[in-house]
C-alpha atoms as a PDB file:
ATOM      1  CA  MET A   1      -5.189-112.283 -30.811  1.00  0.00           C
ATOM      2  CA  LYS A   2      -7.878-109.637 -29.714  1.00  0.00           C
ATOM      3  CA  LYS A   3      -7.185-110.533 -25.986  1.00  0.00           C
ATOM      4  CA  ALA A   4      -3.390-110.060 -26.440  1.00  0.00           C
ATOM      5  CA  LEU A   5      -3.995-106.733 -28.440  1.00  0.00           C
ATOM      6  CA  LYS A   6      -6.132-105.567 -25.540  1.00  0.00           C
ATOM      7  CA  ILE A   7      -3.513-106.203 -23.039  1.00  0.00           C
ATOM      8  CA  LEU A   8      -0.952-104.584 -25.089  1.00  0.00           C
ATOM      9  CA  CYS A   9      -2.990-101.584 -25.263  1.00  0.00           C
ATOM     10  CA  LEU A  10      -3.576-101.632 -21.412  1.00  0.00           C
ATOM     11  CA  LEU A  11       0.089-101.890 -20.597  1.00  0.00           C
ATOM     12  CA  PRO A  12       0.899 -98.304 -20.758  1.00  0.00           C
ATOM     13  CA  VAL A  13      -1.904 -97.649 -18.329  1.00  0.00           C
ATOM     14  CA  ILE A  14      -0.813-100.316 -16.008  1.00  0.00           C
ATOM     15  CA  LEU A  15       2.809 -98.965 -16.189  1.00  0.00           C
ATOM     16  CA  LEU A  16       1.721 -95.589 -15.580  1.00  0.00           C
ATOM     17  CA  GLY A  17      -0.505 -96.721 -12.623  1.00  0.00           C
ATOM     18  CA  VAL A  18       2.411 -98.546 -11.077  1.00  0.00           C
ATOM     19  CA  PHE A  19       4.678 -95.570 -11.594  1.00  0.00           C
ATOM     20  CA  LEU A  20       2.333 -93.278  -9.749  1.00  0.00           C
ATOM     21  CA  THR A  21       1.814 -95.511  -7.043  1.00  0.00           C
ATOM     22  CA  ILE A  22       5.492 -95.746  -6.359  1.00  0.00           C
ATOM     23  CA  VAL A  23       5.665 -92.024  -6.614  1.00  0.00           C
ATOM     24  CA  VAL A  24       3.040 -91.509  -3.854  1.00  0.00           C
ATOM     25  CA  LEU A  25       4.616 -94.256  -1.661  1.00  0.00           C
ATOM     26  CA  LEU A  26       7.937 -92.615  -1.841  1.00  0.00           C
ATOM     27  CA  LYS A  27       6.523 -89.276  -0.759  1.00  0.00           C
ATOM     28  CA  TRP A  28       6.370 -90.672   2.899  1.00  0.00           C
ATOM     29  CA  LEU A  29       8.632 -93.902   2.885  1.00  0.00           C
ATOM     30  CA  PRO A  30      12.446 -94.035   2.728  1.00  0.00           C
ATOM     31  CA  VAL A  31      13.797 -94.758  -0.578  1.00  0.00           C
ATOM     32  CA  PRO A  32      15.042 -98.413  -0.449  1.00  0.00           C
ATOM     33  CA  THR A  33      17.123 -98.436  -3.601  1.00  0.00           C
ATOM     34  CA  THR A  34      17.282 -96.605  -7.137  1.00  0.00           C
ATOM     35  CA  ALA A  35      17.849 -97.723 -10.703  1.00  0.00           C
ATOM     36  CA  PHE A  36      21.330 -96.620 -10.483  1.00  0.00           C
ATOM     37  CA  MET A  37      22.059 -98.458  -7.364  1.00  0.00           C
ATOM     38  CA  LEU A  38      20.606-101.623  -8.783  1.00  0.00           C
ATOM     39  CA  HIS A  39      22.670-101.219 -11.971  1.00  0.00           C
ATOM     40  CA  HIS A  40      25.734-100.716  -9.760  1.00  0.00           C
ATOM     41  CA  ASN A  41      25.089-103.788  -7.688  1.00  0.00           C
ATOM     42  CA  TRP A  42      24.400-105.926 -10.733  1.00  0.00           C
ATOM     43  CA  LYS A  43      27.694-105.112 -12.144  1.00  0.00           C
ATOM     44  CA  ALA A  44      29.186-105.698  -8.543  1.00  0.00           C
ATOM     45  CA  LEU A  45      27.608-109.226  -8.459  1.00  0.00           C
ATOM     46  CA  TRP A  46      29.730-110.236 -11.614  1.00  0.00           C
ATOM     47  CA  SER A  47      33.013-108.383 -10.783  1.00  0.00           C
ATOM     48  CA  GLU A  48      35.424-108.803  -7.998  1.00  0.00           C
ATOM     49  CA  GLU A  49      36.835-105.358  -8.734  1.00  0.00           C
ATOM     50  CA  ILE A  50      33.421-103.661  -7.887  1.00  0.00           C
ATOM     51  CA  GLU A  51      31.983-103.348  -4.299  1.00  0.00           C
ATOM     52  CA  PHE A  52      28.320-103.277  -3.700  1.00  0.00           C
ATOM     53  CA  ALA A  53      26.640 -99.927  -3.009  1.00  0.00           C
ATOM     54  CA  ARG A  54      27.048 -98.306   0.365  1.00  0.00           C
ATOM     55  CA  TYR A  55      23.852 -96.600   1.317  1.00  0.00           C
ATOM     56  CA  GLN A  56      21.689 -95.676   4.305  1.00  0.00           C
ATOM     57  CA  TRP A  57      18.656 -93.527   4.516  1.00  0.00           C
ATOM     58  CA  VAL A  58      18.876 -90.137   6.599  1.00  0.00           C
ATOM     59  CA  PRO A  59      15.715 -88.208   7.254  1.00  0.00           C
ATOM     60  CA  TYR A  60      15.817 -84.441   6.195  1.00  0.00           C
ATOM     61  CA  GLU A  61      16.050 -83.004   9.474  1.00  0.00           C
ATOM     62  CA  ASP A  62      19.064 -85.006  10.281  1.00  0.00           C
ATOM     63  CA  ILE A  63      20.975 -83.676   7.179  1.00  0.00           C
ATOM     64  CA  PRO A  64      23.135 -80.630   7.962  1.00  0.00           C
ATOM     65  CA  TRP A  65      22.046 -77.385   6.310  1.00  0.00           C
ATOM     66  CA  THR A  66      25.697 -77.249   4.925  1.00  0.00           C
ATOM     67  CA  LEU A  67      25.104 -80.115   2.643  1.00  0.00           C
ATOM     68  CA  LYS A  68      21.657 -78.852   1.557  1.00  0.00           C
ATOM     69  CA  MET A  69      23.063 -75.493   0.437  1.00  0.00           C
ATOM     70  CA  ALA A  70      26.270 -77.135  -1.054  1.00  0.00           C
ATOM     71  CA  VAL A  71      24.271 -79.077  -3.484  1.00  0.00           C
ATOM     72  CA  ILE A  72      21.913 -76.244  -4.399  1.00  0.00           C
ATOM     73  CA  ALA A  73      24.794 -73.946  -4.929  1.00  0.00           C
ATOM     74  CA  SER A  74      26.604 -76.506  -7.084  1.00  0.00           C
ATOM     75  CA  GLU A  75      23.805 -78.006  -9.052  1.00  0.00           C
ATOM     76  CA  ASP A  76      20.680 -75.955  -9.185  1.00  0.00           C
ATOM     77  CA  GLN A  77      20.474 -72.358  -7.714  1.00  0.00           C
ATOM     78  CA  LYS A  78      17.082 -71.829  -9.219  1.00  0.00           C
ATOM     79  CA  PHE A  79      15.837 -74.829  -7.143  1.00  0.00           C
ATOM     80  CA  PRO A  80      13.044 -73.035  -5.176  1.00  0.00           C
ATOM     81  CA  ASP A  81      11.783 -71.306  -8.267  1.00  0.00           C
ATOM     82  CA  HIS A  82      11.250 -73.816 -11.137  1.00  0.00           C
ATOM     83  CA  TRP A  83       8.658 -76.548 -11.611  1.00  0.00           C
ATOM     84  CA  GLY A  84      11.029 -79.407 -12.119  1.00  0.00           C
ATOM     85  CA  ILE A  85      12.755 -78.061 -15.309  1.00  0.00           C
ATOM     86  CA  ASP A  86      14.978 -75.124 -16.109  1.00  0.00           C
ATOM     87  CA  VAL A  87      13.382 -73.756 -19.234  1.00  0.00           C
ATOM     88  CA  ALA A  88      16.475 -72.019 -20.385  1.00  0.00           C
ATOM     89  CA  ALA A  89      18.517 -75.087 -19.930  1.00  0.00           C
ATOM     90  CA  THR A  90      15.896 -77.260 -21.647  1.00  0.00           C
ATOM     91  CA  GLN A  91      15.713 -74.820 -24.749  1.00  0.00           C
ATOM     92  CA  ALA A  92      19.645 -74.996 -24.884  1.00  0.00           C
ATOM     93  CA  ALA A  93      19.240 -78.735 -24.894  1.00  0.00           C
ATOM     94  CA  ILE A  94      16.798 -78.858 -27.714  1.00  0.00           C
ATOM     95  CA  ARG A  95      18.964 -76.565 -29.779  1.00  0.00           C
ATOM     96  CA  ALA A  96      22.032 -78.626 -29.130  1.00  0.00           C
ATOM     97  CA  TYR A  97      20.208 -81.768 -30.205  1.00  0.00           C
ATOM     98  CA  ARG A  98      18.877 -79.964 -33.511  1.00  0.00           C
ATOM     99  CA  GLU A  99      22.554 -78.943 -34.160  1.00  0.00           C
ATOM    100  CA  GLY A 100      23.812 -82.437 -33.532  1.00  0.00           C
ATOM    101  CA  ARG A 101      25.690 -81.485 -30.488  1.00  0.00           C
ATOM    102  CA  SER A 102      25.630 -83.023 -27.006  1.00  0.00           C
ATOM    103  CA  ALA A 103      22.614 -82.010 -24.859  1.00  0.00           C
ATOM    104  CA  GLY A 104      24.282 -82.998 -21.531  1.00  0.00           C
ATOM    105  CA  GLY A 105      24.339 -80.666 -18.437  1.00  0.00           C
ATOM    106  CA  GLY A 106      21.895 -78.235 -17.112  1.00  0.00           C
ATOM    107  CA  SER A 107      19.787 -80.843 -15.311  1.00  0.00           C
ATOM    108  CA  THR A 108      17.903 -79.646 -12.204  1.00  0.00           C
ATOM    109  CA  ILE A 109      18.083 -81.512  -9.074  1.00  0.00           C
ATOM    110  CA  THR A 110      14.591 -82.672  -9.765  1.00  0.00           C
ATOM    111  CA  GLN A 111      15.694 -83.947 -12.791  1.00  0.00           C
ATOM    112  CA  GLN A 112      18.617 -85.641 -11.412  1.00  0.00           C
ATOM    113  CA  VAL A 113      16.298 -87.376  -8.841  1.00  0.00           C
ATOM    114  CA  ALA A 114      14.093 -88.671 -11.583  1.00  0.00           C
ATOM    115  CA  LYS A 115      17.063 -89.984 -13.630  1.00  0.00           C
ATOM    116  CA  ASN A 116      18.822 -91.749 -10.607  1.00  0.00           C
ATOM    117  CA  LEU A 117      15.656 -93.133  -9.175  1.00  0.00           C
ATOM    118  CA  PHE A 118      13.787 -94.452 -12.093  1.00  0.00           C
ATOM    119  CA  LEU A 119      16.068 -94.204 -15.360  1.00  0.00           C
ATOM    120  CA  TRP A 120      19.424 -95.007 -16.857  1.00  0.00           C
ATOM    121  CA  GLY A 121      22.660 -93.194 -17.357  1.00  0.00           C
ATOM    122  CA  ASP A 122      23.091 -92.577 -21.133  1.00  0.00           C
ATOM    123  CA  ARG A 123      22.179 -89.359 -22.707  1.00  0.00           C
ATOM    124  CA  SER A 124      19.776 -90.496 -25.336  1.00  0.00           C
ATOM    125  CA  GLN A 125      16.757 -88.165 -26.050  1.00  0.00           C
ATOM    126  CA  VAL A 126      14.354 -90.777 -24.995  1.00  0.00           C
ATOM    127  CA  ARG A 127      15.802 -90.816 -21.679  1.00  0.00           C
ATOM    128  CA  LYS A 128      15.823 -87.041 -21.447  1.00  0.00           C
ATOM    129  CA  VAL A 129      12.028 -86.677 -22.320  1.00  0.00           C
ATOM    130  CA  LEU A 130      11.270 -89.158 -19.722  1.00  0.00           C
ATOM    131  CA  GLU A 131      13.319 -87.483 -17.289  1.00  0.00           C
ATOM    132  CA  TRP A 132      11.423 -84.099 -17.933  1.00  0.00           C
ATOM    133  CA  GLY A 133       8.250 -85.826 -17.481  1.00  0.00           C
ATOM    134  CA  ILE A 134       8.934 -87.580 -14.283  1.00  0.00           C
ATOM    135  CA  ALA A 135      10.453 -84.377 -12.823  1.00  0.00           C
ATOM    136  CA  ILE A 136       7.169 -82.411 -13.308  1.00  0.00           C
ATOM    137  CA  VAL A 137       5.276 -85.372 -11.668  1.00  0.00           C
ATOM    138  CA  LEU A 138       7.590 -85.338  -8.696  1.00  0.00           C
ATOM    139  CA  GLU A 139       7.327 -81.697  -8.319  1.00  0.00           C
ATOM    140  CA  GLN A 140       3.647 -81.854  -8.191  1.00  0.00           C
ATOM    141  CA  PHE A 141       3.395 -85.041  -5.730  1.00  0.00           C
ATOM    142  CA  TRP A 142       6.585 -84.417  -3.412  1.00  0.00           C
ATOM    143  CA  GLY A 143       7.499 -80.726  -3.102  1.00  0.00           C
ATOM    144  CA  LYS A 144      10.812 -79.159  -2.891  1.00  0.00           C
ATOM    145  CA  GLU A 145      11.713 -80.339   0.551  1.00  0.00           C
ATOM    146  CA  ARG A 146      11.121 -84.007  -0.171  1.00  0.00           C
ATOM    147  CA  ILE A 147      12.873 -83.817  -3.516  1.00  0.00           C
ATOM    148  CA  LEU A 148      15.908 -82.454  -1.762  1.00  0.00           C
ATOM    149  CA  GLU A 149      15.807 -85.115   0.841  1.00  0.00           C
ATOM    150  CA  VAL A 150      15.748 -87.861  -1.703  1.00  0.00           C
ATOM    151  CA  TYR A 151      18.541 -86.285  -3.745  1.00  0.00           C
ATOM    152  CA  LEU A 152      20.889 -85.882  -0.905  1.00  0.00           C
ATOM    153  CA  ASN A 153      20.085 -89.653   0.058  1.00  0.00           C
ATOM    154  CA  ILE A 154      20.610 -91.164  -3.461  1.00  0.00           C
ATOM    155  CA  ALA A 155      23.288 -88.971  -5.279  1.00  0.00           C
ATOM    156  CA  GLN A 156      26.356 -90.828  -6.076  1.00  0.00           C
ATOM    157  CA  PHE A 157      29.420 -89.308  -4.192  1.00  0.00           C
ATOM    158  CA  GLY A 158      32.004 -92.154  -4.828  1.00  0.00           C
ATOM    159  CA  LYS A 159      32.494 -95.390  -6.796  1.00  0.00           C
ATOM    160  CA  GLN A 160      30.182 -97.174  -4.510  1.00  0.00           C
ATOM    161  CA  GLU A 161      28.981 -94.401  -2.081  1.00  0.00           C
ATOM    162  CA  PHE A 162      25.335 -93.343  -2.561  1.00  0.00           C
ATOM    163  CA  GLY A 163      23.745 -90.713  -0.389  1.00  0.00           C
ATOM    164  CA  VAL A 164      25.367 -88.324   2.109  1.00  0.00           C
ATOM    165  CA  TRP A 165      25.637 -90.810   4.933  1.00  0.00           C
ATOM    166  CA  ALA A 166      27.827 -93.226   2.976  1.00  0.00           C
ATOM    167  CA  ALA A 167      30.090 -90.356   1.562  1.00  0.00           C
ATOM    168  CA  THR A 168      30.559 -88.853   5.187  1.00  0.00           C
ATOM    169  CA  GLU A 169      31.330 -92.202   6.703  1.00  0.00           C
ATOM    170  CA  TYR A 170      33.477 -93.826   4.073  1.00  0.00           C
ATOM    171  CA  LEU A 171      34.919 -90.882   2.207  1.00  0.00           C
ATOM    172  CA  LEU A 172      35.313 -87.930   4.702  1.00  0.00           C
ATOM    173  CA  MET A 173      35.612 -90.424   7.636  1.00  0.00           C
ATOM    174  CA  LYS A 174      33.660 -88.323   9.974  1.00  0.00           C
ATOM    175  CA  PRO A 175      29.947 -88.492  11.429  1.00  0.00           C
ATOM    176  CA  LEU A 176      27.245 -86.579   9.279  1.00  0.00           C
ATOM    177  CA  PRO A 177      26.348 -84.135  11.986  1.00  0.00           C
ATOM    178  CA  ASN A 178      29.918 -82.763  11.787  1.00  0.00           C
ATOM    179  CA  VAL A 179      30.111 -81.781   8.224  1.00  0.00           C
ATOM    180  CA  SER A 180      31.395 -78.286   7.758  1.00  0.00           C
ATOM    181  CA  VAL A 181      30.733 -75.935   4.958  1.00  0.00           C
ATOM    182  CA  GLN A 182      34.079 -76.774   3.589  1.00  0.00           C
ATOM    183  CA  ASP A 183      33.276 -80.382   3.761  1.00  0.00           C
ATOM    184  CA  ALA A 184      29.950 -80.064   2.202  1.00  0.00           C
ATOM    185  CA  ALA A 185      31.408 -77.960  -0.713  1.00  0.00           C
ATOM    186  CA  LEU A 186      34.066 -80.533  -1.299  1.00  0.00           C
ATOM    187  CA  MET A 187      31.359 -83.287  -1.385  1.00  0.00           C
ATOM    188  CA  ALA A 188      29.312 -81.191  -3.901  1.00  0.00           C
ATOM    189  CA  ALA A 189      32.254 -80.699  -6.030  1.00  0.00           C
ATOM    190  CA  VAL A 190      32.419 -84.413  -7.185  1.00  0.00           C
ATOM    191  CA  LEU A 191      28.873 -84.518  -8.210  1.00  0.00           C
ATOM    192  CA  PRO A 192      29.342 -83.913 -11.895  1.00  0.00           C
ATOM    193  CA  SER A 193      31.433 -87.170 -12.112  1.00  0.00           C
ATOM    194  CA  PRO A 194      31.747 -89.120  -8.781  1.00  0.00           C
ATOM    195  CA  ALA A 195      33.519 -91.976 -10.645  1.00  0.00           C
ATOM    196  CA  ARG A 196      36.208 -89.493 -11.912  1.00  0.00           C
ATOM    197  CA  TYR A 197      36.772 -87.275  -8.869  1.00  0.00           C
ATOM    198  CA  ASP A 198      37.809 -88.435  -5.311  1.00  0.00           C
ATOM    199  CA  ILE A 199      36.814 -86.872  -2.207  1.00  0.00           C
ATOM    200  CA  LYS A 200      39.769 -88.548  -0.459  1.00  0.00           C
ATOM    201  CA  ARG A 201      42.336 -87.209  -3.010  1.00  0.00           C
ATOM    202  CA  PRO A 202      40.865 -83.918  -4.241  1.00  0.00           C
ATOM    203  CA  SER A 203      42.618 -82.525  -7.387  1.00  0.00           C
ATOM    204  CA  ALA A 204      43.280 -78.874  -7.936  1.00  0.00           C
ATOM    205  CA  TYR A 205      40.047 -78.710 -10.085  1.00  0.00           C
ATOM    206  CA  MET A 206      38.157 -80.013  -7.191  1.00  0.00           C
ATOM    207  CA  ARG A 207      39.730 -77.544  -4.740  1.00  0.00           C
ATOM    208  CA  SER A 208      38.871 -74.573  -7.219  1.00  0.00           C
ATOM    209  CA  ARG A 209      35.251 -75.933  -7.383  1.00  0.00           C
ATOM    210  CA  GLN A 210      35.063 -76.362  -3.665  1.00  0.00           C
ATOM    211  CA  ALA A 211      36.004 -72.719  -3.332  1.00  0.00           C
ATOM    212  CA  PHE A 212      33.418 -71.595  -5.877  1.00  0.00           C
ATOM    213  CA  ILE A 213      30.724 -73.516  -4.220  1.00  0.00           C
ATOM    214  CA  GLN A 214      31.486 -71.915  -0.812  1.00  0.00           C
ATOM    215  CA  ARG A 215      31.354 -68.514  -2.449  1.00  0.00           C
ATOM    216  CA  GLN A 216      27.908 -69.309  -3.911  1.00  0.00           C
ATOM    217  CA  ILE A 217      26.670 -70.570  -0.754  1.00  0.00           C
ATOM    218  CA  ASN A 218      27.443 -67.203   0.771  1.00  0.00           C
ATOM    219  CA  ASN A 219      25.989 -65.244  -2.021  1.00  0.00           C
ATOM    220  CA  LEU A 220      22.695 -67.154  -1.966  1.00  0.00           C
ATOM    221  CA  GLY A 221      22.395 -66.102   1.792  1.00  0.00           C
ATOM    222  CA  GLY A 222      23.629 -69.478   3.622  1.00  0.00           C
ATOM    223  CA  ARG A 223      21.019 -71.197   5.598  1.00  0.00           C
ATOM    224  CA  ALA A 224      18.497 -68.562   5.345  1.00  0.00           C
ATOM    225  CA  TYR A 225      18.012 -69.477   1.694  1.00  0.00           C
ATOM    226  CA  LEU A 226      16.491 -72.822   2.726  1.00  0.00           C
ATOM    227  CA  ARG A 227      13.529 -70.914   4.306  1.00  0.00           C
ATOM    228  CA  ARG A 228      12.252 -70.323   0.795  1.00  0.00           C
ATOM    229  CA  PHE A 229      10.858 -73.735   0.358  1.00  0.00           C
ATOM    230  CA  GLU A 230      11.131 -75.365   3.797  1.00  0.00           C
ATOM    231  CA  ALA A 231       8.054 -73.623   5.061  1.00  0.00           C
ATOM    232  CA  GLU A 232       5.725 -74.808   2.115  1.00  0.00           C
END
């Protein structure tokens, strides 16, 4: 009984050690898969209507600046300045929870990496707290450039397309190096709900969102904006 209790007490320490080991390794190694991809492939295994995830790792230097800026303009314009969490958005989420409202939205790119890589897709408060903690750890161990590199490689852009390589090859039907600002903005426009929006058949909302993202890229300074963190 005492031995079992001792093992139970050590379990959180062991899990933390495993998590930190994975984080350190993934600072340097390509990400082989994610929690979201594993869940998707598990469903595909049991359903003829779902295809397995399409995914291929692309190094940061081979990803066009247009895509880097498009996701920042769309998802996290404070990306170079925060430490993993947007404090204002976090406070709003806490207020929403206390008032019994949905606390969704407002996640930074770092938080989205934490969720997609390690967690699950619901909006429970437990998952949100874990997401915040993991995001802070990733900022400390990885830095901005690596976080953006991982995000661009694991974000879901279509029903089974994960990462910018799969999205450009299978949805835009063009090589990754040829992605224009317009293409990148359209890709970023689907990120709120890749299962709902379709890059191949963009709706009026997506076109409006695409135009907004293009304007924001210009307002942020375009490619020069990336120098705020790429030199770190």
